[in-house]
Amino acid sequence: MTVIHFVQHAEKQSTAGDPGLTEHGHRQAANAAAQFRSLGITNLYSSPLRRALETARPFASATGRTICQDESLRERMNWDGLLARSDFLSDWNRSTRDRDYWPRVGESSRAAGERLRSFVLSVQDIPGLVVVVTHGGVTVDLLRTLLGDDNLPPSLIADGVPPCAITTLDGLQVTSLPFKAPTGRELVARNPNCGPDETTF
């Protein structure tokens, strides 16, 4: 089976549309990429959204791998500014509570989880180590699909995945829930006090 590390994009700018990373986010991405420099990554995938691509670029530089953009890695919902932010967040929260609810922008949590599960199946025969830079909402959707809500920390569903956190799968088997490695050589458990905000999606 293929070992897949899903990397949450780094801290993004708080703007609508397709925002890039903040200065701090660029540092987060560089620090996270450094952890993978000598691990022998065989393939590097990214969501086509700018915040994910800017997170993936240091991984490409550190490992010499080309970034393969894949639409199936995009976020469940992306705020385009046409919908009021309060309405977007209301739809986000409702679609998190009700996995079958289809928001005005994007898709349901259940559909997004199945989309990411299909991606995993498409790469599970690639030998070696695969890094996938994606988004917190769809990563949690995948975990809910694979493990069920009862087997996940409620805080993960409610608060989302912090910037540059790493979720590891061996095929379709989840081997570690989101951990983040902001500095140093060891993965550090995610901060349970990291609440949901615009940098999470």
N, C-alpha and C. Protein backbone atom coordinates (compact mmCIF):
# COMPACT_ATOMS: atom_id res chain seq x y z
N MET A 1 0.83 -1.20 0.00
CA MET A 1 0.00 0.00 0.00
C MET A 1 0.88 1.26 0.00
N THR A 2 0.29 2.33 -0.47
CA THR A 2 0.98 3.61 -0.52
C THR A 2 0.74 4.39 0.77
N VAL A 3 1.81 4.94 1.32
CA VAL A 3 1.68 5.83 2.47
C VAL A 3 1.44 7.23 1.94
N ILE A 4 0.34 7.85 2.40
CA ILE A 4 -0.04 9.18 1.93
C ILE A 4 -0.07 10.13 3.11
N HIS A 5 0.67 11.22 3.00
CA HIS A 5 0.64 12.28 3.99
C HIS A 5 -0.20 13.44 3.42
N PHE A 6 -1.35 13.67 4.02
CA PHE A 6 -2.17 14.83 3.66
C PHE A 6 -1.69 16.02 4.49
N VAL A 7 -1.27 17.07 3.82
CA VAL A 7 -0.77 18.27 4.48
C VAL A 7 -1.79 19.39 4.31
N GLN A 8 -2.25 19.91 5.43
CA GLN A 8 -3.16 21.06 5.39
C GLN A 8 -2.38 22.29 4.92
N HIS A 9 -2.98 23.07 4.03
CA HIS A 9 -2.29 24.29 3.58
C HIS A 9 -1.95 25.18 4.78
N ALA A 10 -0.96 26.02 4.59
CA ALA A 10 -0.52 26.94 5.64
C ALA A 10 -1.51 28.10 5.79
N GLU A 11 -1.23 28.96 6.76
CA GLU A 11 -2.12 30.09 7.04
C GLU A 11 -2.32 30.95 5.80
N LYS A 12 -3.58 31.20 5.48
CA LYS A 12 -3.88 31.98 4.27
C LYS A 12 -4.36 33.38 4.62
N GLN A 13 -4.34 34.25 3.62
CA GLN A 13 -4.86 35.60 3.77
C GLN A 13 -6.38 35.56 3.95
N SER A 14 -6.91 36.52 4.69
CA SER A 14 -8.34 36.54 5.00
C SER A 14 -9.10 37.34 3.95
N THR A 15 -9.07 36.86 2.73
CA THR A 15 -9.78 37.53 1.64
C THR A 15 -10.59 36.50 0.86
N ALA A 16 -11.57 37.00 0.12
CA ALA A 16 -12.41 36.11 -0.68
C ALA A 16 -11.69 35.69 -1.96
N GLY A 17 -12.28 34.73 -2.66
CA GLY A 17 -11.75 34.30 -3.94
C GLY A 17 -10.71 33.20 -3.79
N ASP A 18 -9.50 33.47 -4.26
CA ASP A 18 -8.44 32.47 -4.24
C ASP A 18 -7.21 33.07 -3.55
N PRO A 19 -7.29 33.28 -2.24
CA PRO A 19 -6.19 33.97 -1.54
C PRO A 19 -4.94 33.11 -1.43
N GLY A 20 -3.81 33.79 -1.37
CA GLY A 20 -2.54 33.11 -1.13
C GLY A 20 -2.23 33.07 0.35
N LEU A 21 -0.99 32.72 0.67
CA LEU A 21 -0.57 32.60 2.06
C LEU A 21 -0.15 33.95 2.64
N THR A 22 -0.24 34.06 3.95
CA THR A 22 0.33 35.19 4.66
C THR A 22 1.85 34.99 4.74
N GLU A 23 2.55 36.00 5.20
CA GLU A 23 4.00 35.84 5.40
C GLU A 23 4.27 34.72 6.39
N HIS A 24 3.48 34.69 7.46
CA HIS A 24 3.62 33.61 8.45
C HIS A 24 3.33 32.26 7.81
N GLY A 25 2.34 32.23 6.93
CA GLY A 25 2.01 30.99 6.24
C GLY A 25 3.15 30.46 5.39
N HIS A 26 3.86 31.37 4.72
CA HIS A 26 5.02 30.94 3.93
C HIS A 26 6.09 30.31 4.83
N ARG A 27 6.28 30.87 6.02
CA ARG A 27 7.25 30.29 6.95
C ARG A 27 6.77 28.92 7.44
N GLN A 28 5.46 28.81 7.72
CA GLN A 28 4.91 27.52 8.13
C GLN A 28 5.15 26.45 7.06
N ALA A 29 4.90 26.81 5.81
CA ALA A 29 5.07 25.85 4.72
C ALA A 29 6.53 25.42 4.58
N ALA A 30 7.44 26.38 4.69
CA ALA A 30 8.87 26.04 4.59
C ALA A 30 9.29 25.12 5.73
N ASN A 31 8.81 25.39 6.95
CA ASN A 31 9.16 24.55 8.09
C ASN A 31 8.60 23.13 7.93
N ALA A 32 7.35 23.04 7.44
CA ALA A 32 6.75 21.72 7.25
C ALA A 32 7.48 20.94 6.16
N ALA A 33 7.83 21.62 5.08
CA ALA A 33 8.53 20.95 3.98
C ALA A 33 9.88 20.40 4.41
N ALA A 34 10.55 21.13 5.30
CA ALA A 34 11.87 20.68 5.76
C ALA A 34 11.81 19.32 6.43
N GLN A 35 10.66 18.98 7.03
CA GLN A 35 10.53 17.68 7.71
C GLN A 35 10.54 16.51 6.71
N PHE A 36 10.26 16.81 5.44
CA PHE A 36 10.13 15.76 4.43
C PHE A 36 11.35 15.68 3.51
N ARG A 37 12.33 16.54 3.74
CA ARG A 37 13.47 16.65 2.81
C ARG A 37 14.15 15.31 2.52
N SER A 38 14.32 14.49 3.54
CA SER A 38 15.08 13.25 3.36
C SER A 38 14.23 11.99 3.47
N LEU A 39 12.90 12.15 3.33
CA LEU A 39 12.03 10.99 3.52
C LEU A 39 11.75 10.19 2.24
N GLY A 40 12.24 10.66 1.11
CA GLY A 40 12.06 9.90 -0.12
C GLY A 40 10.67 9.99 -0.71
N ILE A 41 10.13 11.20 -0.81
CA ILE A 41 8.82 11.40 -1.43
C ILE A 41 8.88 10.99 -2.89
N THR A 42 7.91 10.19 -3.32
CA THR A 42 7.87 9.75 -4.72
C THR A 42 6.93 10.59 -5.57
N ASN A 43 5.87 11.11 -4.97
CA ASN A 43 4.91 11.93 -5.72
C ASN A 43 4.39 13.06 -4.84
N LEU A 44 4.13 14.20 -5.47
CA LEU A 44 3.64 15.38 -4.76
C LEU A 44 2.41 15.92 -5.49
N TYR A 45 1.28 15.93 -4.79
CA TYR A 45 0.02 16.42 -5.35
C TYR A 45 -0.44 17.66 -4.59
N SER A 46 -1.23 18.48 -5.28
CA SER A 46 -1.79 19.66 -4.62
C SER A 46 -3.14 20.02 -5.20
N SER A 47 -3.99 20.56 -4.34
CA SER A 47 -5.19 21.25 -4.80
C SER A 47 -4.74 22.40 -5.70
N PRO A 48 -5.55 22.76 -6.70
CA PRO A 48 -5.18 23.88 -7.56
C PRO A 48 -5.40 25.25 -6.94
N LEU A 49 -6.02 25.32 -5.76
CA LEU A 49 -6.22 26.61 -5.13
C LEU A 49 -4.88 27.20 -4.67
N ARG A 50 -4.77 28.51 -4.77
CA ARG A 50 -3.49 29.19 -4.56
C ARG A 50 -2.87 28.89 -3.21
N ARG A 51 -3.67 28.87 -2.14
CA ARG A 51 -3.11 28.64 -0.80
C ARG A 51 -2.47 27.26 -0.69
N ALA A 52 -3.02 26.29 -1.40
CA ALA A 52 -2.43 24.95 -1.40
C ALA A 52 -1.17 24.91 -2.26
N LEU A 53 -1.23 25.52 -3.44
CA LEU A 53 -0.05 25.52 -4.31
C LEU A 53 1.13 26.23 -3.68
N GLU A 54 0.85 27.35 -2.99
CA GLU A 54 1.95 28.06 -2.33
C GLU A 54 2.51 27.26 -1.16
N THR A 55 1.69 26.41 -0.55
CA THR A 55 2.19 25.51 0.49
C THR A 55 3.01 24.39 -0.13
N ALA A 56 2.60 23.92 -1.30
CA ALA A 56 3.28 22.79 -1.94
C ALA A 56 4.64 23.16 -2.52
N ARG A 57 4.83 24.42 -2.91
CA ARG A 57 6.09 24.79 -3.58
C ARG A 57 7.33 24.53 -2.74
N PRO A 58 7.35 24.82 -1.43
CA PRO A 58 8.54 24.46 -0.65
C PRO A 58 8.77 22.95 -0.59
N PHE A 59 7.70 22.16 -0.64
CA PHE A 59 7.86 20.71 -0.68
C PHE A 59 8.53 20.28 -1.98
N ALA A 60 8.15 20.92 -3.08
CA ALA A 60 8.77 20.62 -4.37
C ALA A 60 10.25 21.00 -4.34
N SER A 61 10.55 22.16 -3.78
CA SER A 61 11.95 22.60 -3.69
C SER A 61 12.78 21.69 -2.80
N ALA A 62 12.18 21.25 -1.70
CA ALA A 62 12.91 20.42 -0.74
C ALA A 62 13.15 19.01 -1.24
N THR A 63 12.24 18.52 -2.09
CA THR A 63 12.32 17.10 -2.49
C THR A 63 12.65 16.89 -3.96
N GLY A 64 12.62 17.95 -4.76
CA GLY A 64 12.89 17.81 -6.18
C GLY A 64 11.74 17.21 -6.97
N ARG A 65 10.56 17.13 -6.37
CA ARG A 65 9.39 16.56 -7.05
C ARG A 65 8.56 17.65 -7.71
N THR A 66 7.93 17.29 -8.82
CA THR A 66 7.04 18.20 -9.53
C THR A 66 5.65 18.16 -8.88
N ILE A 67 5.01 19.30 -8.76
CA ILE A 67 3.67 19.37 -8.20
C ILE A 67 2.65 18.95 -9.25
N CYS A 68 1.86 17.95 -8.92
CA CYS A 68 0.77 17.52 -9.79
C CYS A 68 -0.53 18.11 -9.23
N GLN A 69 -1.15 19.03 -9.95
CA GLN A 69 -2.40 19.62 -9.50
C GLN A 69 -3.56 18.67 -9.78
N ASP A 70 -4.46 18.56 -8.82
CA ASP A 70 -5.60 17.65 -8.99
C ASP A 70 -6.86 18.33 -8.43
N GLU A 71 -7.86 18.49 -9.27
CA GLU A 71 -9.11 19.14 -8.88
C GLU A 71 -9.83 18.41 -7.75
N SER A 72 -9.60 17.12 -7.63
CA SER A 72 -10.30 16.36 -6.59
C SER A 72 -9.80 16.69 -5.19
N LEU A 73 -8.74 17.50 -5.10
CA LEU A 73 -8.18 17.89 -3.80
C LEU A 73 -8.68 19.25 -3.33
N ARG A 74 -9.56 19.88 -4.10
CA ARG A 74 -10.05 21.20 -3.73
C ARG A 74 -10.91 21.12 -2.46
N GLU A 75 -11.12 22.29 -1.85
CA GLU A 75 -11.91 22.35 -0.63
C GLU A 75 -13.39 22.11 -0.92
N ARG A 76 -14.11 21.65 0.11
CA ARG A 76 -15.56 21.40 0.00
C ARG A 76 -16.32 22.67 -0.38
N MET A 77 -15.96 23.78 0.26
CA MET A 77 -16.56 25.08 -0.02
C MET A 77 -15.45 26.12 -0.08
N ASN A 78 -15.56 27.07 -1.01
CA ASN A 78 -14.57 28.13 -1.11
C ASN A 78 -15.31 29.46 -1.21
N TRP A 79 -15.02 30.37 -0.29
CA TRP A 79 -15.71 31.66 -0.25
C TRP A 79 -15.26 32.53 -1.42
N ASP A 80 -16.19 32.81 -2.35
CA ASP A 80 -15.84 33.60 -3.53
C ASP A 80 -16.18 35.07 -3.39
N GLY A 81 -16.82 35.46 -2.27
CA GLY A 81 -17.16 36.84 -2.05
C GLY A 81 -18.54 37.22 -2.58
N LEU A 82 -19.14 36.40 -3.42
CA LEU A 82 -20.47 36.69 -3.93
C LEU A 82 -21.53 36.45 -2.86
N LEU A 83 -21.26 35.47 -2.00
CA LEU A 83 -22.14 35.18 -0.87
C LEU A 83 -21.61 35.94 0.34
N ALA A 84 -22.49 36.55 1.11
CA ALA A 84 -22.04 37.24 2.32
C ALA A 84 -21.27 36.28 3.21
N ARG A 85 -20.22 36.79 3.86
CA ARG A 85 -19.39 35.90 4.67
C ARG A 85 -20.21 35.20 5.75
N SER A 86 -21.16 35.92 6.35
CA SER A 86 -21.99 35.30 7.39
C SER A 86 -22.82 34.16 6.81
N ASP A 87 -23.29 34.31 5.58
CA ASP A 87 -24.06 33.24 4.94
C ASP A 87 -23.16 32.06 4.60
N PHE A 88 -21.94 32.37 4.14
CA PHE A 88 -20.98 31.30 3.84
C PHE A 88 -20.69 30.47 5.09
N LEU A 89 -20.40 31.16 6.20
CA LEU A 89 -20.08 30.45 7.44
C LEU A 89 -21.29 29.68 7.97
N SER A 90 -22.48 30.23 7.77
CA SER A 90 -23.69 29.52 8.18
C SER A 90 -23.84 28.23 7.39
N ASP A 91 -23.60 28.30 6.07
CA ASP A 91 -23.68 27.10 5.24
C ASP A 91 -22.58 26.10 5.60
N TRP A 92 -21.38 26.64 5.89
CA TRP A 92 -20.27 25.76 6.28
C TRP A 92 -20.64 24.99 7.54
N ASN A 93 -21.12 25.70 8.54
CA ASN A 93 -21.47 25.05 9.81
C ASN A 93 -22.61 24.05 9.64
N ARG A 94 -23.61 24.42 8.83
CA ARG A 94 -24.72 23.50 8.63
C ARG A 94 -24.27 22.24 7.89
N SER A 95 -23.40 22.41 6.88
CA SER A 95 -22.93 21.24 6.13
C SER A 95 -21.98 20.38 6.95
N THR A 96 -21.38 20.98 7.99
CA THR A 96 -20.56 20.19 8.91
C THR A 96 -21.46 19.36 9.83
N ARG A 97 -22.53 19.97 10.30
CA ARG A 97 -23.47 19.24 11.17
C ARG A 97 -24.25 18.18 10.40
N ASP A 98 -24.69 18.53 9.20
CA ASP A 98 -25.50 17.63 8.38
C ASP A 98 -24.71 17.28 7.13
N ARG A 99 -24.13 16.11 7.09
CA ARG A 99 -23.21 15.74 6.01
C ARG A 99 -23.89 15.65 4.65
N ASP A 100 -25.20 15.58 4.62
CA ASP A 100 -25.93 15.47 3.35
C ASP A 100 -26.47 16.82 2.86
N TYR A 101 -26.24 17.88 3.63
CA TYR A 101 -26.72 19.21 3.22
C TYR A 101 -25.82 19.77 2.12
N TRP A 102 -26.46 20.22 1.03
CA TRP A 102 -25.72 20.85 -0.07
C TRP A 102 -25.79 22.37 0.09
N PRO A 103 -24.67 23.01 0.35
CA PRO A 103 -24.65 24.46 0.55
C PRO A 103 -24.87 25.20 -0.76
N ARG A 104 -25.04 26.51 -0.67
CA ARG A 104 -25.25 27.33 -1.86
C ARG A 104 -23.99 27.39 -2.72
N VAL A 105 -22.84 27.23 -2.11
CA VAL A 105 -21.56 27.20 -2.83
C VAL A 105 -20.82 25.93 -2.41
N GLY A 106 -20.40 25.12 -3.37
CA GLY A 106 -19.64 23.91 -3.03
C GLY A 106 -20.50 22.67 -3.01
N GLU A 107 -20.13 21.73 -2.15
CA GLU A 107 -20.80 20.43 -2.12
C GLU A 107 -20.97 19.96 -0.69
N SER A 108 -21.70 18.87 -0.52
CA SER A 108 -21.94 18.34 0.82
C SER A 108 -20.68 17.71 1.39
N SER A 109 -20.65 17.59 2.70
CA SER A 109 -19.53 16.94 3.38
C SER A 109 -19.39 15.50 2.91
N ARG A 110 -20.51 14.82 2.75
CA ARG A 110 -20.45 13.41 2.33
C ARG A 110 -19.88 13.27 0.92
N ALA A 111 -20.33 14.15 0.01
CA ALA A 111 -19.82 14.11 -1.36
C ALA A 111 -18.32 14.43 -1.40
N ALA A 112 -17.90 15.41 -0.60
CA ALA A 112 -16.48 15.78 -0.58
C ALA A 112 -15.63 14.64 -0.02
N GLY A 113 -16.13 13.98 1.02
CA GLY A 113 -15.40 12.84 1.58
C GLY A 113 -15.25 11.72 0.58
N GLU A 114 -16.30 11.44 -0.18
CA GLU A 114 -16.23 10.39 -1.20
C GLU A 114 -15.29 10.80 -2.33
N ARG A 115 -15.27 12.09 -2.67
CA ARG A 115 -14.36 12.57 -3.70
C ARG A 115 -12.91 12.34 -3.31
N LEU A 116 -12.56 12.66 -2.06
CA LEU A 116 -11.19 12.47 -1.61
C LEU A 116 -10.87 10.99 -1.44
N ARG A 117 -11.85 10.20 -1.04
CA ARG A 117 -11.65 8.75 -0.96
C ARG A 117 -11.32 8.18 -2.34
N SER A 118 -12.00 8.66 -3.37
CA SER A 118 -11.72 8.20 -4.74
C SER A 118 -10.30 8.57 -5.16
N PHE A 119 -9.84 9.75 -4.73
CA PHE A 119 -8.47 10.13 -5.03
C PHE A 119 -7.50 9.15 -4.38
N VAL A 120 -7.73 8.81 -3.11
CA VAL A 120 -6.85 7.86 -2.41
C VAL A 120 -6.79 6.53 -3.18
N LEU A 121 -7.93 6.05 -3.62
CA LEU A 121 -7.96 4.79 -4.37
C LEU A 121 -7.17 4.91 -5.67
N SER A 122 -7.17 6.09 -6.27
CA SER A 122 -6.47 6.27 -7.55
C SER A 122 -4.96 6.29 -7.41
N VAL A 123 -4.44 6.56 -6.20
CA VAL A 123 -2.99 6.61 -6.01
C VAL A 123 -2.47 5.51 -5.10
N GLN A 124 -3.33 4.61 -4.63
CA GLN A 124 -2.91 3.66 -3.60
C GLN A 124 -1.92 2.61 -4.10
N ASP A 125 -1.75 2.49 -5.40
CA ASP A 125 -0.78 1.52 -5.92
C ASP A 125 0.55 2.16 -6.30
N ILE A 126 0.69 3.46 -6.06
CA ILE A 126 1.97 4.12 -6.32
C ILE A 126 2.94 3.70 -5.22
N PRO A 127 4.08 3.12 -5.59
CA PRO A 127 5.03 2.71 -4.54
C PRO A 127 5.68 3.92 -3.88
N GLY A 128 5.94 3.80 -2.59
CA GLY A 128 6.66 4.85 -1.89
C GLY A 128 5.77 5.77 -1.09
N LEU A 129 6.22 7.00 -0.97
CA LEU A 129 5.60 7.99 -0.09
C LEU A 129 5.00 9.12 -0.91
N VAL A 130 3.72 9.38 -0.71
CA VAL A 130 3.01 10.42 -1.46
C VAL A 130 2.64 11.55 -0.50
N VAL A 131 2.90 12.79 -0.92
CA VAL A 131 2.48 13.96 -0.16
C VAL A 131 1.38 14.67 -0.94
N VAL A 132 0.30 15.00 -0.22
CA VAL A 132 -0.87 15.63 -0.83
C VAL A 132 -1.18 16.91 -0.05
N VAL A 133 -1.09 18.06 -0.69
CA VAL A 133 -1.40 19.32 -0.03
C VAL A 133 -2.85 19.68 -0.36
N THR A 134 -3.65 19.79 0.66
CA THR A 134 -5.07 20.00 0.45
C THR A 134 -5.64 20.91 1.54
N HIS A 135 -6.91 20.70 1.90
CA HIS A 135 -7.64 21.63 2.76
C HIS A 135 -8.25 20.91 3.95
N GLY A 136 -8.47 21.67 5.03
CA GLY A 136 -8.93 21.08 6.26
C GLY A 136 -10.33 20.50 6.21
N GLY A 137 -11.24 21.21 5.54
CA GLY A 137 -12.62 20.72 5.49
C GLY A 137 -12.72 19.38 4.81
N VAL A 138 -12.12 19.26 3.63
CA VAL A 138 -12.23 18.02 2.87
C VAL A 138 -11.42 16.89 3.52
N THR A 139 -10.34 17.24 4.22
CA THR A 139 -9.59 16.21 4.96
C THR A 139 -10.43 15.62 6.08
N VAL A 140 -11.11 16.49 6.83
CA VAL A 140 -12.00 16.00 7.88
C VAL A 140 -13.15 15.21 7.27
N ASP A 141 -13.66 15.65 6.13
CA ASP A 141 -14.73 14.91 5.44
C ASP A 141 -14.27 13.48 5.12
N LEU A 142 -13.03 13.35 4.65
CA LEU A 142 -12.48 12.02 4.36
C LEU A 142 -12.39 11.18 5.63
N LEU A 143 -11.89 11.77 6.71
CA LEU A 143 -11.75 11.03 7.96
C LEU A 143 -13.12 10.59 8.48
N ARG A 144 -14.11 11.44 8.33
CA ARG A 144 -15.46 11.08 8.77
C ARG A 144 -15.99 9.92 7.93
N THR A 145 -15.67 9.93 6.64
CA THR A 145 -16.11 8.85 5.76
C THR A 145 -15.41 7.53 6.10
N LEU A 146 -14.12 7.59 6.37
CA LEU A 146 -13.35 6.36 6.62
C LEU A 146 -13.55 5.82 8.03
N LEU A 147 -13.66 6.69 9.02
CA LEU A 147 -13.67 6.25 10.41
C LEU A 147 -15.02 6.39 11.10
N GLY A 148 -15.87 7.31 10.61
CA GLY A 148 -17.12 7.59 11.29
C GLY A 148 -16.92 8.63 12.38
N ASP A 149 -17.94 9.44 12.61
CA ASP A 149 -17.83 10.53 13.58
C ASP A 149 -17.52 10.05 14.99
N ASP A 150 -18.04 8.90 15.36
CA ASP A 150 -17.85 8.40 16.73
C ASP A 150 -16.40 8.06 17.03
N ASN A 151 -15.59 7.88 15.99
CA ASN A 151 -14.19 7.52 16.18
C ASN A 151 -13.23 8.69 15.98
N LEU A 152 -13.78 9.89 15.90
CA LEU A 152 -12.96 11.09 15.75
C LEU A 152 -13.14 12.00 16.96
N PRO A 153 -12.12 12.75 17.34
CA PRO A 153 -12.30 13.73 18.41
C PRO A 153 -13.33 14.78 17.98
N PRO A 154 -14.31 15.06 18.82
CA PRO A 154 -15.30 16.09 18.46
C PRO A 154 -14.65 17.43 18.10
N SER A 155 -13.53 17.74 18.74
CA SER A 155 -12.85 19.01 18.46
C SER A 155 -12.32 19.06 17.02
N LEU A 156 -11.96 17.91 16.45
CA LEU A 156 -11.46 17.88 15.08
C LEU A 156 -12.58 18.23 14.11
N ILE A 157 -13.77 17.69 14.35
CA ILE A 157 -14.91 17.99 13.49
C ILE A 157 -15.34 19.45 13.66
N ALA A 158 -15.34 19.93 14.89
CA ALA A 158 -15.81 21.29 15.16
C ALA A 158 -14.80 22.35 14.79
N ASP A 159 -13.51 22.11 15.09
CA ASP A 159 -12.50 23.15 14.94
C ASP A 159 -11.71 23.05 13.64
N GLY A 160 -11.72 21.89 13.01
CA GLY A 160 -10.97 21.72 11.77
C GLY A 160 -9.50 21.38 12.01
N VAL A 161 -8.74 21.47 10.94
CA VAL A 161 -7.34 21.08 10.92
C VAL A 161 -6.46 22.34 10.95
N PRO A 162 -5.50 22.43 11.85
CA PRO A 162 -4.65 23.63 11.90
C PRO A 162 -3.67 23.68 10.72
N PRO A 163 -3.15 24.86 10.42
CA PRO A 163 -2.24 25.01 9.28
C PRO A 163 -1.06 24.03 9.33
N CYS A 164 -0.80 23.43 8.19
CA CYS A 164 0.33 22.51 7.98
C CYS A 164 0.24 21.23 8.81
N ALA A 165 -0.91 20.93 9.36
CA ALA A 165 -1.07 19.67 10.08
C ALA A 165 -1.01 18.51 9.08
N ILE A 166 -0.55 17.37 9.56
CA ILE A 166 -0.32 16.20 8.70
C ILE A 166 -1.22 15.06 9.14
N THR A 167 -1.95 14.49 8.18
CA THR A 167 -2.80 13.32 8.39
C THR A 167 -2.23 12.20 7.53
N THR A 168 -2.02 11.03 8.11
CA THR A 168 -1.36 9.95 7.38
C THR A 168 -2.29 8.77 7.16
N LEU A 169 -2.27 8.27 5.92
CA LEU A 169 -3.01 7.07 5.54
C LEU A 169 -2.06 6.04 4.95
N ASP A 170 -2.35 4.78 5.19
CA ASP A 170 -1.69 3.67 4.51
C ASP A 170 -2.79 3.00 3.70
N GLY A 171 -2.86 3.32 2.42
CA GLY A 171 -4.03 2.95 1.65
C GLY A 171 -5.22 3.70 2.20
N LEU A 172 -6.30 2.96 2.51
CA LEU A 172 -7.47 3.58 3.11
C LEU A 172 -7.47 3.48 4.63
N GLN A 173 -6.39 3.00 5.20
CA GLN A 173 -6.29 2.88 6.65
C GLN A 173 -5.65 4.15 7.23
N VAL A 174 -6.36 4.80 8.13
CA VAL A 174 -5.83 6.01 8.78
C VAL A 174 -4.83 5.58 9.84
N THR A 175 -3.59 6.03 9.71
CA THR A 175 -2.56 5.66 10.68
C THR A 175 -2.25 6.78 11.67
N SER A 176 -2.60 8.03 11.31
CA SER A 176 -2.48 9.12 12.30
C SER A 176 -3.43 10.25 11.94
N LEU A 177 -4.07 10.78 12.95
CA LEU A 177 -4.93 11.94 12.79
C LEU A 177 -4.07 13.19 12.72
N PRO A 178 -4.66 14.33 12.37
CA PRO A 178 -3.84 15.53 12.13
C PRO A 178 -2.87 15.88 13.26
N PHE A 179 -1.61 15.89 12.87
CA PHE A 179 -0.52 16.35 13.73
C PHE A 179 0.16 17.48 12.99
N LYS A 180 0.78 18.39 13.72
CA LYS A 180 1.52 19.41 13.00
C LYS A 180 2.95 19.49 13.47
N ALA A 181 3.82 19.83 12.53
CA ALA A 181 5.24 19.93 12.80
C ALA A 181 5.71 21.33 12.44
N PRO A 182 5.46 22.32 13.30
CA PRO A 182 5.83 23.70 12.96
C PRO A 182 7.32 23.94 12.95
N THR A 183 8.07 23.29 13.82
CA THR A 183 9.51 23.45 13.88
C THR A 183 10.11 22.16 14.41
N GLY A 184 11.40 22.06 14.33
CA GLY A 184 12.07 20.90 14.92
C GLY A 184 11.88 19.65 14.09
N ARG A 185 12.31 18.51 14.64
CA ARG A 185 12.35 17.28 13.87
C ARG A 185 11.20 16.35 14.18
N GLU A 186 10.45 16.62 15.22
CA GLU A 186 9.38 15.70 15.59
C GLU A 186 8.01 16.30 15.34
N LEU A 187 7.05 15.43 15.01
CA LEU A 187 5.68 15.89 14.86
C LEU A 187 5.12 16.19 16.24
N VAL A 188 4.44 17.31 16.35
CA VAL A 188 3.86 17.74 17.61
C VAL A 188 2.35 17.67 17.48
N ALA A 189 1.67 17.16 18.50
CA ALA A 189 0.22 17.02 18.45
C ALA A 189 -0.44 18.36 18.18
N ARG A 190 -1.54 18.33 17.44
CA ARG A 190 -2.27 19.56 17.10
C ARG A 190 -2.74 20.26 18.37
N ASN A 191 -2.83 21.55 18.28
CA ASN A 191 -3.25 22.36 19.42
C ASN A 191 -4.77 22.27 19.56
N PRO A 192 -5.30 21.70 20.64
CA PRO A 192 -6.75 21.57 20.77
C PRO A 192 -7.45 22.91 20.94
N ASN A 193 -6.68 23.97 21.19
CA ASN A 193 -7.28 25.28 21.36
C ASN A 193 -7.35 26.06 20.04
N CYS A 194 -6.94 25.43 18.95
CA CYS A 194 -6.98 26.10 17.64
C CYS A 194 -8.40 26.08 17.12
N GLY A 195 -9.10 27.19 17.26
CA GLY A 195 -10.51 27.23 16.87
C GLY A 195 -10.68 27.43 15.38
N PRO A 196 -11.90 27.26 14.87
CA PRO A 196 -12.14 27.43 13.44
C PRO A 196 -12.07 28.91 13.07
N ASP A 197 -11.35 29.22 12.01
CA ASP A 197 -11.33 30.57 11.49
C ASP A 197 -11.08 30.47 10.00
N GLU A 198 -10.91 31.64 9.36
CA GLU A 198 -10.81 31.63 7.90
C GLU A 198 -9.54 30.96 7.41
N THR A 199 -8.54 30.74 8.27
CA THR A 199 -7.32 30.10 7.81
C THR A 199 -7.46 28.59 7.75
N THR A 200 -8.53 28.04 8.30
CA THR A 200 -8.71 26.60 8.38
C THR A 200 -9.22 26.00 7.08
N PHE A 201 -10.05 26.74 6.34
CA PHE A 201 -10.72 26.17 5.18
C PHE A 201 -9.80 26.01 3.97
